[in-house]
Amino acid sequence: MTTTTHNTDTLKATYLEALAIKEAWDHRVTRATAQYRGALAAGQGIQEAQNNLNAVTIQQAEAVGYMGTALDAWLDAVDTVRHRTATLALNAQNTRTRLHAHGRH
């Protein structure tokens, strides 16, 4: 495994971890929303439920940001690997073409 491939795998793992964290916050937002609606219906505990919903929503937004950053880093690394691979293949093809043109194949 090359260092570049290892870095790409590490960045993918970081993205998948960030995705899992974001999904956990999504679940917490769903729960906090339900609790807030319940508080509204009951007419009590509204402020506490609202505070909780606000806090959880902020955490969810931060998780979305982290996930986006991790995804961008991973995709940039994948693009770099693809570019390097394509460049190496093109260089090899050009070398073969030059050797063939000079009768050395």
PDB file of N, CA and C in Angstrom:
ATOM      1  N   MET A   1       0.851  -1.170   0.000  1.00  0.00           N
ATOM      2  CA  MET A   1       0.000   0.000   0.000  1.00  0.00           C
ATOM      3  C   MET A   1       0.899   1.236   0.000  1.00  0.00           C
ATOM      4  N   THR A   2       0.646   2.134  -0.921  1.00  0.00           N
ATOM      5  CA  THR A   2       1.452   3.347  -0.981  1.00  0.00           C
ATOM      6  C   THR A   2       1.001   4.334   0.081  1.00  0.00           C
ATOM      7  N   THR A   3       1.864   5.302   0.347  1.00  0.00           N
ATOM      8  CA  THR A   3       1.525   6.336   1.330  1.00  0.00           C
ATOM      9  C   THR A   3       0.288   7.101   0.890  1.00  0.00           C
ATOM     10  N   THR A   4       0.220   7.390  -0.420  1.00  0.00           N
ATOM     11  CA  THR A   4      -0.935   8.135  -0.942  1.00  0.00           C
ATOM     12  C   THR A   4      -2.220   7.349  -0.742  1.00  0.00           C
ATOM     13  N   THR A   5      -2.179   6.044  -1.030  1.00  0.00           N
ATOM     14  CA  THR A   5      -3.362   5.201  -0.837  1.00  0.00           C
ATOM     15  C   THR A   5      -3.729   5.146   0.638  1.00  0.00           C
ATOM     16  N   HIS A   6      -2.716   5.030   1.494  1.00  0.00           N
ATOM     17  CA  HIS A   6      -2.965   5.011   2.943  1.00  0.00           C
ATOM     18  C   HIS A   6      -3.626   6.323   3.381  1.00  0.00           C
ATOM     19  N   ASN A   7      -3.114   7.454   2.889  1.00  0.00           N
ATOM     20  CA  ASN A   7      -3.703   8.754   3.237  1.00  0.00           C
ATOM     21  C   ASN A   7      -5.143   8.836   2.755  1.00  0.00           C
ATOM     22  N   THR A   8      -5.399   8.346   1.551  1.00  0.00           N
ATOM     23  CA  THR A   8      -6.762   8.357   1.013  1.00  0.00           C
ATOM     24  C   THR A   8      -7.676   7.511   1.888  1.00  0.00           C
ATOM     25  N   ASP A   9      -7.202   6.337   2.283  1.00  0.00           N
ATOM     26  CA  ASP A   9      -7.998   5.459   3.155  1.00  0.00           C
ATOM     27  C   ASP A   9      -8.257   6.112   4.509  1.00  0.00           C
ATOM     28  N   THR A  10      -7.258   6.792   5.048  1.00  0.00           N
ATOM     29  CA  THR A  10      -7.410   7.486   6.325  1.00  0.00           C
ATOM     30  C   THR A  10      -8.439   8.602   6.198  1.00  0.00           C
ATOM     31  N   LEU A  11      -8.373   9.358   5.109  1.00  0.00           N
ATOM     32  CA  LEU A  11      -9.342  10.446   4.902  1.00  0.00           C
ATOM     33  C   LEU A  11     -10.747   9.908   4.695  1.00  0.00           C
ATOM     34  N   LYS A  12     -10.862   8.771   4.029  1.00  0.00           N
ATOM     35  CA  LYS A  12     -12.181   8.148   3.857  1.00  0.00           C
ATOM     36  C   LYS A  12     -12.738   7.736   5.223  1.00  0.00           C
ATOM     37  N   ALA A  13     -11.890   7.132   6.048  1.00  0.00           N
ATOM     38  CA  ALA A  13     -12.322   6.719   7.389  1.00  0.00           C
ATOM     39  C   ALA A  13     -12.743   7.929   8.221  1.00  0.00           C
ATOM     40  N   THR A  14     -12.016   9.026   8.072  1.00  0.00           N
ATOM     41  CA  THR A  14     -12.370  10.256   8.790  1.00  0.00           C
ATOM     42  C   THR A  14     -13.732  10.758   8.334  1.00  0.00           C
ATOM     43  N   TYR A  15     -13.966  10.725   7.019  1.00  0.00           N
ATOM     44  CA  TYR A  15     -15.267  11.148   6.492  1.00  0.00           C
ATOM     45  C   TYR A  15     -16.381  10.241   7.021  1.00  0.00           C
ATOM     46  N   LEU A  16     -16.175   8.935   6.983  1.00  0.00           N
ATOM     47  CA  LEU A  16     -17.211   8.008   7.451  1.00  0.00           C
ATOM     48  C   LEU A  16     -17.506   8.203   8.939  1.00  0.00           C
ATOM     49  N   GLU A  17     -16.473   8.504   9.710  1.00  0.00           N
ATOM     50  CA  GLU A  17     -16.674   8.797  11.128  1.00  0.00           C
ATOM     51  C   GLU A  17     -17.485  10.087  11.291  1.00  0.00           C
ATOM     52  N   ALA A  18     -17.138  11.103  10.504  1.00  0.00           N
ATOM     53  CA  ALA A  18     -17.868  12.376  10.560  1.00  0.00           C
ATOM     54  C   ALA A  18     -19.322  12.180  10.149  1.00  0.00           C
ATOM     55  N   LEU A  19     -19.554  11.329   9.155  1.00  0.00           N
ATOM     56  CA  LEU A  19     -20.919  11.029   8.719  1.00  0.00           C
ATOM     57  C   LEU A  19     -21.706  10.359   9.842  1.00  0.00           C
ATOM     58  N   ALA A  20     -21.085   9.425  10.523  1.00  0.00           N
ATOM     59  CA  ALA A  20     -21.759   8.742  11.639  1.00  0.00           C
ATOM     60  C   ALA A  20     -22.094   9.721  12.760  1.00  0.00           C
ATOM     61  N   ILE A  21     -21.176  10.636  13.048  1.00  0.00           N
ATOM     62  CA  ILE A  21     -21.421  11.643  14.083  1.00  0.00           C
ATOM     63  C   ILE A  21     -22.578  12.546  13.665  1.00  0.00           C
ATOM     64  N   LYS A  22     -22.582  12.967  12.409  1.00  0.00           N
ATOM     65  CA  LYS A  22     -23.667  13.825  11.897  1.00  0.00           C
ATOM     66  C   LYS A  22     -25.005  13.095  11.992  1.00  0.00           C
ATOM     67  N   GLU A  23     -25.017  11.817  11.627  1.00  0.00           N
ATOM     68  CA  GLU A  23     -26.262  11.046  11.702  1.00  0.00           C
ATOM     69  C   GLU A  23     -26.749  10.908  13.142  1.00  0.00           C
ATOM     70  N   ALA A  24     -25.827  10.794  14.089  1.00  0.00           N
ATOM     71  CA  ALA A  24     -26.213  10.725  15.505  1.00  0.00           C
ATOM     72  C   ALA A  24     -26.855  12.044  15.929  1.00  0.00           C
ATOM     73  N   TRP A  25     -26.290  13.176  15.474  1.00  0.00           N
ATOM     74  CA  TRP A  25     -26.885  14.479  15.798  1.00  0.00           C
ATOM     75  C   TRP A  25     -28.229  14.646  15.103  1.00  0.00           C
ATOM     76  N   ASP A  26     -28.388  14.101  13.910  1.00  0.00           N
ATOM     77  CA  ASP A  26     -29.698  14.130  13.239  1.00  0.00           C
ATOM     78  C   ASP A  26     -30.753  13.459  14.118  1.00  0.00           C
ATOM     79  N   HIS A  27     -30.374  12.311  14.677  1.00  0.00           N
ATOM     80  CA  HIS A  27     -31.300  11.580  15.551  1.00  0.00           C
ATOM     81  C   HIS A  27     -31.630  12.407  16.799  1.00  0.00           C
ATOM     82  N   ARG A  28     -30.614  13.049  17.365  1.00  0.00           N
ATOM     83  CA  ARG A  28     -30.841  13.879  18.551  1.00  0.00           C
ATOM     84  C   ARG A  28     -31.747  15.065  18.237  1.00  0.00           C
ATOM     85  N   VAL A  29     -31.588  15.655  17.048  1.00  0.00           N
ATOM     86  CA  VAL A  29     -32.462  16.767  16.647  1.00  0.00           C
ATOM     87  C   VAL A  29     -33.905  16.273  16.515  1.00  0.00           C
ATOM     88  N   THR A  30     -34.081  15.105  15.947  1.00  0.00           N
ATOM     89  CA  THR A  30     -35.427  14.529  15.819  1.00  0.00           C
ATOM     90  C   THR A  30     -36.058  14.335  17.194  1.00  0.00           C
ATOM     91  N   ARG A  31     -35.263  13.781  18.136  1.00  0.00           N
ATOM     92  CA  ARG A  31     -35.766  13.589  19.501  1.00  0.00           C
ATOM     93  C   ARG A  31     -36.071  14.914  20.184  1.00  0.00           C
ATOM     94  N   ALA A  32     -35.164  15.884  20.039  1.00  0.00           N
ATOM     95  CA  ALA A  32     -35.361  17.189  20.680  1.00  0.00           C
ATOM     96  C   ALA A  32     -36.576  17.912  20.094  1.00  0.00           C
ATOM     97  N   THR A  33     -36.797  17.740  18.807  1.00  0.00           N
ATOM     98  CA  THR A  33     -37.974  18.344  18.170  1.00  0.00           C
ATOM     99  C   THR A  33     -39.257  17.738  18.733  1.00  0.00           C
ATOM    100  N   ALA A  34     -39.248  16.424  18.883  1.00  0.00           N
ATOM    101  CA  ALA A  34     -40.420  15.747  19.455  1.00  0.00           C
ATOM    102  C   ALA A  34     -40.657  16.190  20.896  1.00  0.00           C
ATOM    103  N   GLN A  35     -39.574  16.330  21.666  1.00  0.00           N
ATOM    104  CA  GLN A  35     -39.714  16.786  23.047  1.00  0.00           C
ATOM    105  C   GLN A  35     -40.256  18.216  23.091  1.00  0.00           C
ATOM    106  N   TYR A  36     -39.806  19.052  22.187  1.00  0.00           N
ATOM    107  CA  TYR A  36     -40.282  20.431  22.144  1.00  0.00           C
ATOM    108  C   TYR A  36     -41.777  20.463  21.806  1.00  0.00           C
ATOM    109  N   ARG A  37     -42.169  19.673  20.829  1.00  0.00           N
ATOM    110  CA  ARG A  37     -43.600  19.606  20.476  1.00  0.00           C
ATOM    111  C   ARG A  37     -44.434  19.088  21.650  1.00  0.00           C
ATOM    112  N   GLY A  38     -43.881  18.113  22.349  1.00  0.00           N
ATOM    113  CA  GLY A  38     -44.574  17.590  23.531  1.00  0.00           C
ATOM    114  C   GLY A  38     -44.709  18.648  24.606  1.00  0.00           C
ATOM    115  N   ALA A  39     -43.672  19.443  24.793  1.00  0.00           N
ATOM    116  CA  ALA A  39     -43.717  20.518  25.788  1.00  0.00           C
ATOM    117  C   ALA A  39     -44.744  21.566  25.398  1.00  0.00           C
ATOM    118  N   LEU A  40     -44.791  21.881  24.112  1.00  0.00           N
ATOM    119  CA  LEU A  40     -45.797  22.845  23.645  1.00  0.00           C
ATOM    120  C   LEU A  40     -47.206  22.327  23.895  1.00  0.00           C
ATOM    121  N   ALA A  41     -47.419  21.052  23.587  1.00  0.00           N
ATOM    122  CA  ALA A  41     -48.744  20.454  23.780  1.00  0.00           C
ATOM    123  C   ALA A  41     -49.124  20.406  25.253  1.00  0.00           C
ATOM    124  N   ALA A  42     -48.142  20.150  26.122  1.00  0.00           N
ATOM    125  CA  ALA A  42     -48.399  20.057  27.558  1.00  0.00           C
ATOM    126  C   ALA A  42     -48.452  21.424  28.219  1.00  0.00           C
ATOM    127  N   GLY A  43     -47.874  22.415  27.539  1.00  0.00           N
ATOM    128  CA  GLY A  43     -47.867  23.756  28.097  1.00  0.00           C
ATOM    129  C   GLY A  43     -46.883  23.945  29.237  1.00  0.00           C
ATOM    130  N   GLN A  44     -45.905  23.064  29.351  1.00  0.00           N
ATOM    131  CA  GLN A  44     -44.900  23.195  30.403  1.00  0.00           C
ATOM    132  C   GLN A  44     -43.550  22.671  29.919  1.00  0.00           C
ATOM    133  N   GLY A  45     -42.495  23.212  30.475  1.00  0.00           N
ATOM    134  CA  GLY A  45     -41.153  22.805  30.077  1.00  0.00           C
ATOM    135  C   GLY A  45     -40.757  23.292  28.689  1.00  0.00           C
ATOM    136  N   ILE A  46     -41.480  24.306  28.229  1.00  0.00           N
ATOM    137  CA  ILE A  46     -41.249  24.788  26.858  1.00  0.00           C
ATOM    138  C   ILE A  46     -39.863  25.404  26.711  1.00  0.00           C
ATOM    139  N   GLN A  47     -39.469  26.260  27.665  1.00  0.00           N
ATOM    140  CA  GLN A  47     -38.175  26.934  27.555  1.00  0.00           C
ATOM    141  C   GLN A  47     -37.016  25.944  27.596  1.00  0.00           C
ATOM    142  N   GLU A  48     -37.095  24.955  28.478  1.00  0.00           N
ATOM    143  CA  GLU A  48     -36.038  23.945  28.573  1.00  0.00           C
ATOM    144  C   GLU A  48     -35.948  23.138  27.278  1.00  0.00           C
ATOM    145  N   ALA A  49     -37.110  22.767  26.756  1.00  0.00           N
ATOM    146  CA  ALA A  49     -37.127  21.996  25.505  1.00  0.00           C
ATOM    147  C   ALA A  49     -36.581  22.834  24.349  1.00  0.00           C
ATOM    148  N   GLN A  50     -36.926  24.121  24.331  1.00  0.00           N
ATOM    149  CA  GLN A  50     -36.423  25.013  23.284  1.00  0.00           C
ATOM    150  C   GLN A  50     -34.905  25.170  23.398  1.00  0.00           C
ATOM    151  N   ASN A  51     -34.410  25.345  24.616  1.00  0.00           N
ATOM    152  CA  ASN A  51     -32.965  25.462  24.822  1.00  0.00           C
ATOM    153  C   ASN A  51     -32.229  24.201  24.356  1.00  0.00           C
ATOM    154  N   ASN A  52     -32.798  23.050  24.688  1.00  0.00           N
ATOM    155  CA  ASN A  52     -32.198  21.785  24.272  1.00  0.00           C
ATOM    156  C   ASN A  52     -32.199  21.663  22.745  1.00  0.00           C
ATOM    157  N   LEU A  53     -33.318  21.997  22.134  1.00  0.00           N
ATOM    158  CA  LEU A  53     -33.417  21.927  20.673  1.00  0.00           C
ATOM    159  C   LEU A  53     -32.399  22.871  20.021  1.00  0.00           C
ATOM    160  N   ASN A  54     -32.268  24.061  20.558  1.00  0.00           N
ATOM    161  CA  ASN A  54     -31.292  25.017  20.017  1.00  0.00           C
ATOM    162  C   ASN A  54     -29.868  24.471  20.126  1.00  0.00           C
ATOM    163  N   ALA A  55     -29.533  23.931  21.287  1.00  0.00           N
ATOM    164  CA  ALA A  55     -28.179  23.411  21.500  1.00  0.00           C
ATOM    165  C   ALA A  55     -27.883  22.227  20.581  1.00  0.00           C
ATOM    166  N   VAL A  56     -28.839  21.343  20.456  1.00  0.00           N
ATOM    167  CA  VAL A  56     -28.652  20.164  19.615  1.00  0.00           C
ATOM    168  C   VAL A  56     -28.548  20.574  18.146  1.00  0.00           C
ATOM    169  N   THR A  57     -29.323  21.556  17.738  1.00  0.00           N
ATOM    170  CA  THR A  57     -29.280  22.033  16.357  1.00  0.00           C
ATOM    171  C   THR A  57     -27.919  22.660  16.041  1.00  0.00           C
ATOM    172  N   ILE A  58     -27.349  23.373  17.000  1.00  0.00           N
ATOM    173  CA  ILE A  58     -26.007  23.949  16.812  1.00  0.00           C
ATOM    174  C   ILE A  58     -24.979  22.831  16.645  1.00  0.00           C
ATOM    175  N   GLN A  59     -25.066  21.811  17.477  1.00  0.00           N
ATOM    176  CA  GLN A  59     -24.139  20.681  17.372  1.00  0.00           C
ATOM    177  C   GLN A  59     -24.288  19.959  16.033  1.00  0.00           C
ATOM    178  N   GLN A  60     -25.525  19.830  15.577  1.00  0.00           N
ATOM    179  CA  GLN A  60     -25.776  19.193  14.286  1.00  0.00           C
ATOM    180  C   GLN A  60     -25.126  20.005  13.161  1.00  0.00           C
ATOM    181  N   ALA A  61     -25.275  21.324  13.210  1.00  0.00           N
ATOM    182  CA  ALA A  61     -24.687  22.192  12.188  1.00  0.00           C
ATOM    183  C   ALA A  61     -23.162  22.069  12.189  1.00  0.00           C
ATOM    184  N   GLU A  62     -22.561  21.999  13.360  1.00  0.00           N
ATOM    185  CA  GLU A  62     -21.114  21.819  13.441  1.00  0.00           C
ATOM    186  C   GLU A  62     -20.693  20.469  12.868  1.00  0.00           C
ATOM    187  N   ALA A  63     -21.489  19.443  13.119  1.00  0.00           N
ATOM    188  CA  ALA A  63     -21.191  18.110  12.579  1.00  0.00           C
ATOM    189  C   ALA A  63     -21.297  18.119  11.055  1.00  0.00           C
ATOM    190  N   VAL A  64     -22.272  18.829  10.523  1.00  0.00           N
ATOM    191  CA  VAL A  64     -22.416  18.945   9.073  1.00  0.00           C
ATOM    192  C   VAL A  64     -21.186  19.635   8.482  1.00  0.00           C
ATOM    193  N   GLY A  65     -20.714  20.686   9.137  1.00  0.00           N
ATOM    194  CA  GLY A  65     -19.518  21.386   8.672  1.00  0.00           C
ATOM    195  C   GLY A  65     -18.294  20.497   8.685  1.00  0.00           C
ATOM    196  N   TYR A  66     -18.114  19.756   9.764  1.00  0.00           N
ATOM    197  CA  TYR A  66     -16.970  18.843   9.879  1.00  0.00           C
ATOM    198  C   TYR A  66     -17.065  17.753   8.820  1.00  0.00           C
ATOM    199  N   MET A  67     -18.272  17.228   8.621  1.00  0.00           N
ATOM    200  CA  MET A  67     -18.462  16.193   7.617  1.00  0.00           C
ATOM    201  C   MET A  67     -18.119  16.731   6.224  1.00  0.00           C
ATOM    202  N   GLY A  68     -18.548  17.944   5.921  1.00  0.00           N
ATOM    203  CA  GLY A  68     -18.253  18.549   4.624  1.00  0.00           C
ATOM    204  C   GLY A  68     -16.764  18.738   4.415  1.00  0.00           C
ATOM    205  N   THR A  69     -16.072  19.177   5.450  1.00  0.00           N
ATOM    206  CA  THR A  69     -14.619  19.352   5.366  1.00  0.00           C
ATOM    207  C   THR A  69     -13.929  18.007   5.144  1.00  0.00           C
ATOM    208  N   ALA A  70     -14.369  16.999   5.869  1.00  0.00           N
ATOM    209  CA  ALA A  70     -13.782  15.666   5.721  1.00  0.00           C
ATOM    210  C   ALA A  70     -14.045  15.102   4.326  1.00  0.00           C
ATOM    211  N   LEU A  71     -15.249  15.319   3.805  1.00  0.00           N
ATOM    212  CA  LEU A  71     -15.581  14.847   2.462  1.00  0.00           C
ATOM    213  C   LEU A  71     -14.719  15.553   1.418  1.00  0.00           C
ATOM    214  N   ASP A  72     -14.574  16.859   1.546  1.00  0.00           N
ATOM    215  CA  ASP A  72     -13.741  17.614   0.601  1.00  0.00           C
ATOM    216  C   ASP A  72     -12.299  17.110   0.615  1.00  0.00           C
ATOM    217  N   ALA A  73     -11.759  16.868   1.800  1.00  0.00           N
ATOM    218  CA  ALA A  73     -10.375  16.388   1.915  1.00  0.00           C
ATOM    219  C   ALA A  73     -10.223  15.021   1.264  1.00  0.00           C
ATOM    220  N   TRP A  74     -11.180  14.147   1.512  1.00  0.00           N
ATOM    221  CA  TRP A  74     -11.116  12.808   0.931  1.00  0.00           C
ATOM    222  C   TRP A  74     -11.208  12.872  -0.593  1.00  0.00           C
ATOM    223  N   LEU A  75     -12.167  13.638  -1.105  1.00  0.00           N
ATOM    224  CA  LEU A  75     -12.328  13.736  -2.559  1.00  0.00           C
ATOM    225  C   LEU A  75     -11.123  14.392  -3.219  1.00  0.00           C
ATOM    226  N   ASP A  76     -10.536  15.396  -2.567  1.00  0.00           N
ATOM    227  CA  ASP A  76      -9.315  16.007  -3.102  1.00  0.00           C
ATOM    228  C   ASP A  76      -8.195  14.977  -3.184  1.00  0.00           C
ATOM    229  N   ALA A  77      -8.070  14.145  -2.160  1.00  0.00           N
ATOM    230  CA  ALA A  77      -7.034  13.112  -2.159  1.00  0.00           C
ATOM    231  C   ALA A  77      -7.280  12.087  -3.260  1.00  0.00           C
ATOM    232  N   VAL A  78      -8.536  11.702  -3.445  1.00  0.00           N
ATOM    233  CA  VAL A  78      -8.876  10.744  -4.507  1.00  0.00           C
ATOM    234  C   VAL A  78      -8.563  11.355  -5.869  1.00  0.00           C
ATOM    235  N   ASP A  79      -8.919  12.609  -6.066  1.00  0.00           N
ATOM    236  CA  ASP A  79      -8.621  13.277  -7.334  1.00  0.00           C
ATOM    237  C   ASP A  79      -7.120  13.347  -7.572  1.00  0.00           C
ATOM    238  N   THR A  80      -6.340  13.603  -6.524  1.00  0.00           N
ATOM    239  CA  THR A  80      -4.885  13.659  -6.643  1.00  0.00           C
ATOM    240  C   THR A  80      -4.334  12.301  -7.058  1.00  0.00           C
ATOM    241  N   VAL A  81      -4.828  11.238  -6.445  1.00  0.00           N
ATOM    242  CA  VAL A  81      -4.380   9.886  -6.786  1.00  0.00           C
ATOM    243  C   VAL A  81      -4.735   9.583  -8.240  1.00  0.00           C
ATOM    244  N   ARG A  82      -5.962   9.909  -8.652  1.00  0.00           N
ATOM    245  CA  ARG A  82      -6.368   9.663 -10.044  1.00  0.00           C
ATOM    246  C   ARG A  82      -5.511  10.463 -11.009  1.00  0.00           C
ATOM    247  N   HIS A  83      -5.228  11.713 -10.672  1.00  0.00           N
ATOM    248  CA  HIS A  83      -4.403  12.558 -11.534  1.00  0.00           C
ATOM    249  C   HIS A  83      -2.994  11.981 -11.655  1.00  0.00           C
ATOM    250  N   ARG A  84      -2.421  11.581 -10.515  1.00  0.00           N
ATOM    251  CA  ARG A  84      -1.074  10.998 -10.544  1.00  0.00           C
ATOM    252  C   ARG A  84      -1.049   9.711 -11.354  1.00  0.00           C
ATOM    253  N   THR A  85      -2.067   8.888 -11.179  1.00  0.00           N
ATOM    254  CA  THR A  85      -2.138   7.627 -11.914  1.00  0.00           C
ATOM    255  C   THR A  85      -2.247   7.894 -13.412  1.00  0.00           C
ATOM    256  N   ALA A  86      -3.097   8.839 -13.789  1.00  0.00           N
ATOM    257  CA  ALA A  86      -3.260   9.182 -15.207  1.00  0.00           C
ATOM    258  C   ALA A  86      -1.971   9.762 -15.774  1.00  0.00           C
ATOM    259  N   THR A  87      -1.292  10.594 -15.001  1.00  0.00           N
ATOM    260  CA  THR A  87      -0.033  11.191 -15.448  1.00  0.00           C
ATOM    261  C   THR A  87       1.034  10.121 -15.637  1.00  0.00           C
ATOM    262  N   LEU A  88       1.133   9.183 -14.698  1.00  0.00           N
ATOM    263  CA  LEU A  88       2.099   8.097 -14.826  1.00  0.00           C
ATOM    264  C   LEU A  88       1.805   7.242 -16.053  1.00  0.00           C
ATOM    265  N   ALA A  89       0.528   6.949 -16.286  1.00  0.00           N
ATOM    266  CA  ALA A  89       0.152   6.147 -17.455  1.00  0.00           C
ATOM    267  C   ALA A  89       0.494   6.888 -18.747  1.00  0.00           C
ATOM    268  N   LEU A  90       0.212   8.176 -18.788  1.00  0.00           N
ATOM    269  CA  LEU A  90       0.521   8.974 -19.974  1.00  0.00           C
ATOM    270  C   LEU A  90       2.024   9.048 -20.198  1.00  0.00           C
ATOM    271  N   ASN A  91       2.787   9.250 -19.137  1.00  0.00           N
ATOM    272  CA  ASN A  91       4.248   9.285 -19.259  1.00  0.00           C
ATOM    273  C   ASN A  91       4.790   7.949 -19.763  1.00  0.00           C
ATOM    274  N   ALA A  92       4.253   6.854 -19.264  1.00  0.00           N
ATOM    275  CA  ALA A  92       4.689   5.531 -19.712  1.00  0.00           C
ATOM    276  C   ALA A  92       4.365   5.332 -21.191  1.00  0.00           C
ATOM    277  N   GLN A  93       3.172   5.746 -21.597  1.00  0.00           N
ATOM    278  CA  GLN A  93       2.777   5.629 -23.004  1.00  0.00           C
ATOM    279  C   GLN A  93       3.687   6.482 -23.888  1.00  0.00           C
ATOM    280  N   ASN A  94       3.983   7.695 -23.459  1.00  0.00           N
ATOM    281  CA  ASN A  94       4.867   8.568 -24.226  1.00  0.00           C
ATOM    282  C   ASN A  94       6.264   7.965 -24.352  1.00  0.00           C
ATOM    283  N   THR A  95       6.754   7.354 -23.283  1.00  0.00           N
ATOM    284  CA  THR A  95       8.070   6.713 -23.311  1.00  0.00           C
ATOM    285  C   THR A  95       8.061   5.554 -24.298  1.00  0.00           C
ATOM    286  N   ARG A  96       7.020   4.732 -24.260  1.00  0.00           N
ATOM    287  CA  ARG A  96       6.917   3.611 -25.201  1.00  0.00           C
ATOM    288  C   ARG A  96       6.860   4.119 -26.637  1.00  0.00           C
ATOM    289  N   THR A  97       6.116   5.207 -26.864  1.00  0.00           N
ATOM    290  CA  THR A  97       5.999   5.772 -28.208  1.00  0.00           C
ATOM    291  C   THR A  97       7.358   6.272 -28.700  1.00  0.00           C
ATOM    292  N   ARG A  98       8.105   6.965 -27.846  1.00  0.00           N
ATOM    293  CA  ARG A  98       9.434   7.472 -28.231  1.00  0.00           C
ATOM    294  C   ARG A  98      10.396   6.319 -28.506  1.00  0.00           C
ATOM    295  N   LEU A  99      10.374   5.295 -27.658  1.00  0.00           N
ATOM    296  CA  LEU A  99      11.240   4.143 -27.871  1.00  0.00           C
ATOM    297  C   LEU A  99      10.906   3.441 -29.179  1.00  0.00           C
ATOM    298  N   HIS A 100       9.633   3.299 -29.459  1.00  0.00           N
ATOM    299  CA  HIS A 100       9.195   2.647 -30.698  1.00  0.00           C
ATOM    300  C   HIS A 100       9.624   3.476 -31.908  1.00  0.00           C
ATOM    301  N   ALA A 101       9.507   4.796 -31.803  1.00  0.00           N
ATOM    302  CA  ALA A 101       9.885   5.672 -32.909  1.00  0.00           C
ATOM    303  C   ALA A 101      11.374   5.610 -33.198  1.00  0.00           C
ATOM    304  N   HIS A 102      12.163   5.288 -32.205  1.00  0.00           N
ATOM    305  CA  HIS A 102      13.613   5.197 -32.368  1.00  0.00           C
ATOM    306  C   HIS A 102      14.068   3.760 -32.557  1.00  0.00           C
ATOM    307  N   GLY A 103      13.126   2.867 -32.760  1.00  0.00           N
ATOM    308  CA  GLY A 103      13.445   1.488 -33.022  1.00  0.00           C
ATOM    309  C   GLY A 103      13.900   0.695 -31.806  1.00  0.00           C
ATOM    310  N   ARG A 104      13.635   1.198 -30.637  1.00  0.00           N
ATOM    311  CA  ARG A 104      14.016   0.489 -29.389  1.00  0.00           C
ATOM    312  C   ARG A 104      12.755   0.091 -28.639  1.00  0.00           C
ATOM    313  N   HIS A 105      12.256  -1.071 -28.930  1.00  0.00           N
ATOM    314  CA  HIS A 105      11.056  -1.507 -28.234  1.00  0.00           C
ATOM    315  C   HIS A 105      11.219  -2.829 -27.613  1.00  0.00           C
TER     316      HIS A 105
END
